[in-house]
């Protein structure tokens, strides 16, 4: 759940950024996601584009702009710094897309992502906000979330409490065609120095390559990557 500062124009601009981070969108789609009037949404999006916080893709849809990455690069975030060291090796081992997610309320946000250089891939943009009701990364983050968040998400999730118990017991989660048709993934928790789960590291790709039980193939490598991240936090 997003916070509100009480500064109307700032909160609306942040709403536009979050809406575009979910998936590139047209003006009509932006209005539908934010609830803003067409003129307001257009004015804010164009202003954010001027400041390079939004950009246009090849289809003319608004998408996250390069200014976001430039600002993020100046932040001192140990998790992101550690991901820059660990994710490239995991991508090399698996040959698939790799991501790192943090939970924000009842959503998960991609904070680091790398893709294989060739072939079909599962693209998740840094800054993308995804629901917590489907996918291996969602299961991991929800398995160690507070009871109130669990109840709120499980009400319309593709999985139930029994799955979360299994994730905690096993130490990782997997999914096939939950978040998107044709995509499989496996995820593991990342813990900070106190042992608290602060993120989920994930490997995702086409079901044709990863199979419907990707954990059997990649869980061990994923757990090793999660442990390597933990040692750097």
Protein backbone atom coordinates (compact mmCIF):
# COMPACT_ATOMS: atom_id res chain seq x y z
CA UNK A 1 0.00 0.00 0.00
CA UNK A 2 1.44 3.38 -1.03
CA UNK A 3 1.91 6.15 1.49
CA UNK A 4 0.29 9.57 1.04
CA UNK A 5 2.24 12.70 1.91
CA UNK A 6 -0.70 15.08 1.91
CA UNK A 7 0.90 17.00 -0.98
CA UNK A 8 -1.64 16.37 -3.70
CA UNK A 9 0.42 16.89 -6.84
CA UNK A 10 3.32 14.85 -5.45
CA UNK A 11 1.08 11.94 -4.51
CA UNK A 12 -0.54 12.01 -7.95
CA UNK A 13 2.86 12.03 -9.67
CA UNK A 14 3.96 9.07 -7.56
CA UNK A 15 0.75 7.30 -8.51
CA UNK A 16 1.62 7.79 -12.17
CA UNK A 17 5.13 6.41 -11.63
CA UNK A 18 3.82 3.34 -9.81
CA UNK A 19 1.17 2.73 -12.48
CA UNK A 20 3.72 2.83 -15.29
CA UNK A 21 6.11 0.62 -13.30
CA UNK A 22 3.46 -2.12 -13.27
CA UNK A 23 3.52 -2.30 -17.07
CA UNK A 24 4.07 0.18 -19.93
CA UNK A 25 0.76 1.86 -20.70
CA UNK A 26 -1.11 4.31 -22.90
CA UNK A 27 -2.81 7.44 -21.61
CA UNK A 28 -6.17 5.67 -21.38
CA UNK A 29 -4.63 2.81 -19.41
CA UNK A 30 -2.82 5.29 -17.17
CA UNK A 31 -6.12 7.01 -16.37
CA UNK A 32 -7.75 3.66 -15.59
CA UNK A 33 -4.94 2.62 -13.23
CA UNK A 34 -4.64 5.92 -11.37
CA UNK A 35 -8.22 7.19 -11.48
CA UNK A 36 -6.90 10.56 -12.63
CA UNK A 37 -8.70 12.75 -15.19
CA UNK A 38 -7.22 12.49 -18.67
CA UNK A 39 -5.81 16.03 -18.68
CA UNK A 40 -4.18 15.60 -15.26
CA UNK A 41 -2.65 12.22 -16.09
CA UNK A 42 -1.28 13.56 -19.38
CA UNK A 43 0.19 16.68 -17.77
CA UNK A 44 1.93 14.69 -15.04
CA UNK A 45 3.23 12.01 -17.41
CA UNK A 46 4.64 14.59 -19.81
CA UNK A 47 6.29 16.44 -16.92
CA UNK A 48 7.85 13.23 -15.62
CA UNK A 49 9.01 12.47 -19.15
CA UNK A 50 10.75 15.86 -19.35
CA UNK A 51 12.65 14.95 -16.18
CA UNK A 52 13.48 11.51 -17.68
CA UNK A 53 11.58 9.66 -14.95
CA UNK A 54 9.26 8.35 -17.66
CA UNK A 55 10.02 7.53 -21.29
CA UNK A 56 8.18 6.17 -24.35
CA UNK A 57 8.82 2.71 -25.74
CA UNK A 58 8.76 1.74 -29.42
CA UNK A 59 4.96 1.47 -29.29
CA UNK A 60 4.57 4.94 -27.82
CA UNK A 61 3.62 3.62 -24.38
CA UNK A 62 4.93 5.26 -21.24
CA UNK A 63 7.52 3.19 -19.37
CA UNK A 64 10.03 3.84 -16.55
CA UNK A 65 12.67 6.33 -17.71
CA UNK A 66 16.46 6.29 -17.37
CA UNK A 67 16.36 8.99 -14.71
CA UNK A 68 14.97 6.47 -12.21
CA UNK A 69 17.97 4.19 -12.61
CA UNK A 70 20.34 7.14 -12.35
CA UNK A 71 18.76 8.24 -9.08
CA UNK A 72 18.73 4.70 -7.73
CA UNK A 73 22.43 4.31 -8.53
CA UNK A 74 23.25 7.01 -5.99
CA UNK A 75 21.39 5.31 -3.15
CA UNK A 76 23.40 3.39 -0.56
CA UNK A 77 21.48 0.11 -0.46
CA UNK A 78 23.47 -2.93 0.71
CA UNK A 79 20.93 -5.35 -0.80
CA UNK A 80 21.14 -3.77 -4.26
CA UNK A 81 24.93 -3.62 -4.03
CA UNK A 82 25.07 -7.31 -3.09
CA UNK A 83 22.67 -8.20 -5.91
CA UNK A 84 25.05 -6.60 -8.39
CA UNK A 85 27.65 -9.16 -7.35
CA UNK A 86 25.46 -12.26 -7.01
CA UNK A 87 22.81 -12.04 -9.73
CA UNK A 88 25.21 -12.14 -12.71
CA UNK A 89 26.61 -15.49 -11.56
CA UNK A 90 23.13 -16.93 -10.98
CA UNK A 91 22.08 -15.84 -14.46
CA UNK A 92 25.21 -17.46 -15.88
CA UNK A 93 24.52 -20.75 -14.07
CA UNK A 94 20.84 -20.97 -15.00
CA UNK A 95 20.81 -19.23 -18.37
CA UNK A 96 17.49 -17.67 -17.30
CA UNK A 97 16.19 -14.33 -16.07
CA UNK A 98 16.91 -13.55 -12.42
CA UNK A 99 15.18 -11.03 -10.16
CA UNK A 100 15.22 -9.69 -6.63
CA UNK A 101 11.93 -8.59 -5.02
CA UNK A 102 11.02 -6.65 -1.91
CA UNK A 103 7.58 -6.57 -0.36
CA UNK A 104 5.70 -3.28 -0.07
CA UNK A 105 2.43 -3.88 1.73
CA UNK A 106 0.43 -6.34 -0.36
CA UNK A 107 2.60 -5.92 -3.47
CA UNK A 108 6.12 -6.93 -4.42
CA UNK A 109 8.56 -4.63 -6.17
CA UNK A 110 11.40 -5.73 -8.44
CA UNK A 111 14.56 -4.02 -7.13
CA UNK A 112 17.11 -5.83 -9.33
CA UNK A 113 16.78 -7.80 -12.54
CA UNK A 114 19.04 -9.41 -15.13
CA UNK A 115 18.17 -11.24 -18.33
CA UNK A 116 20.03 -13.77 -20.48
CA UNK A 117 21.63 -12.16 -23.55
CA UNK A 118 19.76 -14.32 -26.08
CA UNK A 119 16.65 -16.45 -26.46
CA UNK A 120 13.19 -16.25 -24.94
CA UNK A 121 13.17 -14.65 -21.51
CA UNK A 122 10.88 -13.45 -18.75
CA UNK A 123 11.33 -9.68 -18.60
CA UNK A 124 10.59 -7.93 -15.31
CA UNK A 125 11.62 -4.28 -15.20
CA UNK A 126 13.29 -2.81 -12.14
CA UNK A 127 10.61 -0.85 -10.32
CA UNK A 128 7.78 -3.08 -11.54
CA UNK A 129 5.09 -3.67 -8.91
CA UNK A 130 3.54 -7.12 -9.04
CA UNK A 131 0.66 -8.57 -7.03
CA UNK A 132 1.38 -10.99 -4.20
CA UNK A 133 -1.36 -13.45 -5.14
CA UNK A 134 0.61 -15.50 -7.69
CA UNK A 135 4.17 -16.56 -8.46
CA UNK A 136 7.05 -18.08 -6.53
CA UNK A 137 8.45 -14.73 -5.38
CA UNK A 138 5.05 -13.80 -3.97
CA UNK A 139 4.82 -17.11 -2.09
CA UNK A 140 8.23 -16.59 -0.49
CA UNK A 141 7.56 -13.02 0.62
CA UNK A 142 4.09 -13.89 1.88
CA UNK A 143 5.30 -16.99 3.74
CA UNK A 144 7.33 -14.76 6.06
CA UNK A 145 4.93 -11.80 6.13
CA UNK A 146 2.82 -10.76 9.10
CA UNK A 147 -0.54 -12.54 9.63
CA UNK A 148 -2.58 -9.48 8.63
CA UNK A 149 -0.84 -9.25 5.25
CA UNK A 150 -1.22 -12.98 4.72
CA UNK A 151 -4.96 -12.84 5.35
CA UNK A 152 -5.40 -9.88 3.00
CA UNK A 153 -3.53 -11.56 0.14
CA UNK A 154 -4.76 -15.14 0.56
CA UNK A 155 -8.35 -13.97 0.07
CA UNK A 156 -7.80 -13.96 -3.72
CA UNK A 157 -4.50 -15.82 -4.15
CA UNK A 158 -3.93 -18.79 -6.45
CA UNK A 159 -2.51 -20.68 -3.45
CA UNK A 160 -3.50 -21.20 0.16
CA UNK A 161 -2.04 -21.27 3.65
CA UNK A 162 -0.93 -24.88 3.23
CA UNK A 163 1.38 -23.80 0.40
CA UNK A 164 2.93 -21.13 2.62
CA UNK A 165 3.56 -23.70 5.34
CA UNK A 166 5.31 -25.90 2.77
CA UNK A 167 7.40 -22.95 1.56
CA UNK A 168 8.58 -22.23 5.10
CA UNK A 169 9.35 -25.91 5.69
CA UNK A 170 11.19 -26.41 2.40
CA UNK A 171 12.86 -23.01 2.22
CA UNK A 172 11.88 -22.16 -1.37
CA UNK A 173 8.84 -21.86 -3.65
CA UNK A 174 8.05 -22.65 -7.26
CA UNK A 175 5.29 -21.80 -9.73
CA UNK A 176 4.22 -22.64 -13.26
CA UNK A 177 1.89 -20.45 -15.34
CA UNK A 178 0.65 -18.57 -12.25
CA UNK A 179 1.78 -14.99 -12.83
CA UNK A 180 1.89 -15.32 -16.62
CA UNK A 181 0.96 -18.16 -18.99
CA UNK A 182 3.99 -20.08 -20.18
CA UNK A 183 6.31 -18.80 -17.43
CA UNK A 184 7.77 -20.87 -14.60
CA UNK A 185 9.82 -19.66 -11.66
CA UNK A 186 11.49 -20.67 -8.42
CA UNK A 187 12.30 -18.31 -5.54
CA UNK A 188 14.05 -18.34 -2.16
CA UNK A 189 14.11 -15.95 0.82
CA UNK A 190 16.98 -13.53 1.42
CA UNK A 191 17.70 -12.76 5.07
CA UNK A 192 19.53 -9.83 6.61
CA UNK A 193 22.13 -10.10 9.37
CA UNK A 194 19.41 -10.57 12.01
CA UNK A 195 17.77 -13.42 10.11
CA UNK A 196 14.75 -11.42 8.98
CA UNK A 197 13.49 -12.14 5.46
CA UNK A 198 13.97 -8.88 3.53
CA UNK A 199 13.68 -10.03 -0.08
CA UNK A 200 13.05 -12.91 -2.45
CA UNK A 201 15.53 -13.96 -5.12
CA UNK A 202 13.99 -15.62 -8.17
CA UNK A 203 14.84 -17.42 -11.39
CA UNK A 204 12.19 -17.35 -14.12
CA UNK A 205 11.82 -18.39 -17.72
CA UNK A 206 9.71 -20.30 -20.25
CA UNK A 207 8.07 -23.47 -18.96
CA UNK A 208 9.42 -25.27 -22.02
CA UNK A 209 12.94 -24.81 -20.63
CA UNK A 210 12.37 -24.71 -16.87
CA UNK A 211 9.67 -27.36 -16.63
CA UNK A 212 6.59 -27.34 -14.42
CA UNK A 213 8.70 -28.15 -11.33
CA UNK A 214 11.65 -25.77 -11.71
CA UNK A 215 12.70 -26.23 -8.09
CA UNK A 216 14.00 -29.70 -8.83
CA UNK A 217 16.52 -28.17 -11.21
CA UNK A 218 17.41 -24.79 -9.74
CA UNK A 219 16.53 -24.70 -6.01
CA UNK A 220 20.03 -25.65 -4.84
CA UNK A 221 21.72 -22.94 -6.92
CA UNK A 222 19.09 -20.42 -5.86
CA UNK A 223 19.56 -21.22 -2.16
CA UNK A 224 23.32 -20.80 -2.58
CA UNK A 225 22.76 -17.38 -4.15
CA UNK A 226 20.39 -16.40 -1.33
CA UNK A 227 23.02 -17.42 1.23
CA UNK A 228 25.67 -15.41 -0.61
CA UNK A 229 23.42 -12.35 -0.43
CA UNK A 230 22.78 -12.96 3.27
CA UNK A 231 26.51 -12.99 4.01
CA UNK A 232 26.85 -9.53 2.46
CA UNK A 233 24.03 -7.92 4.46
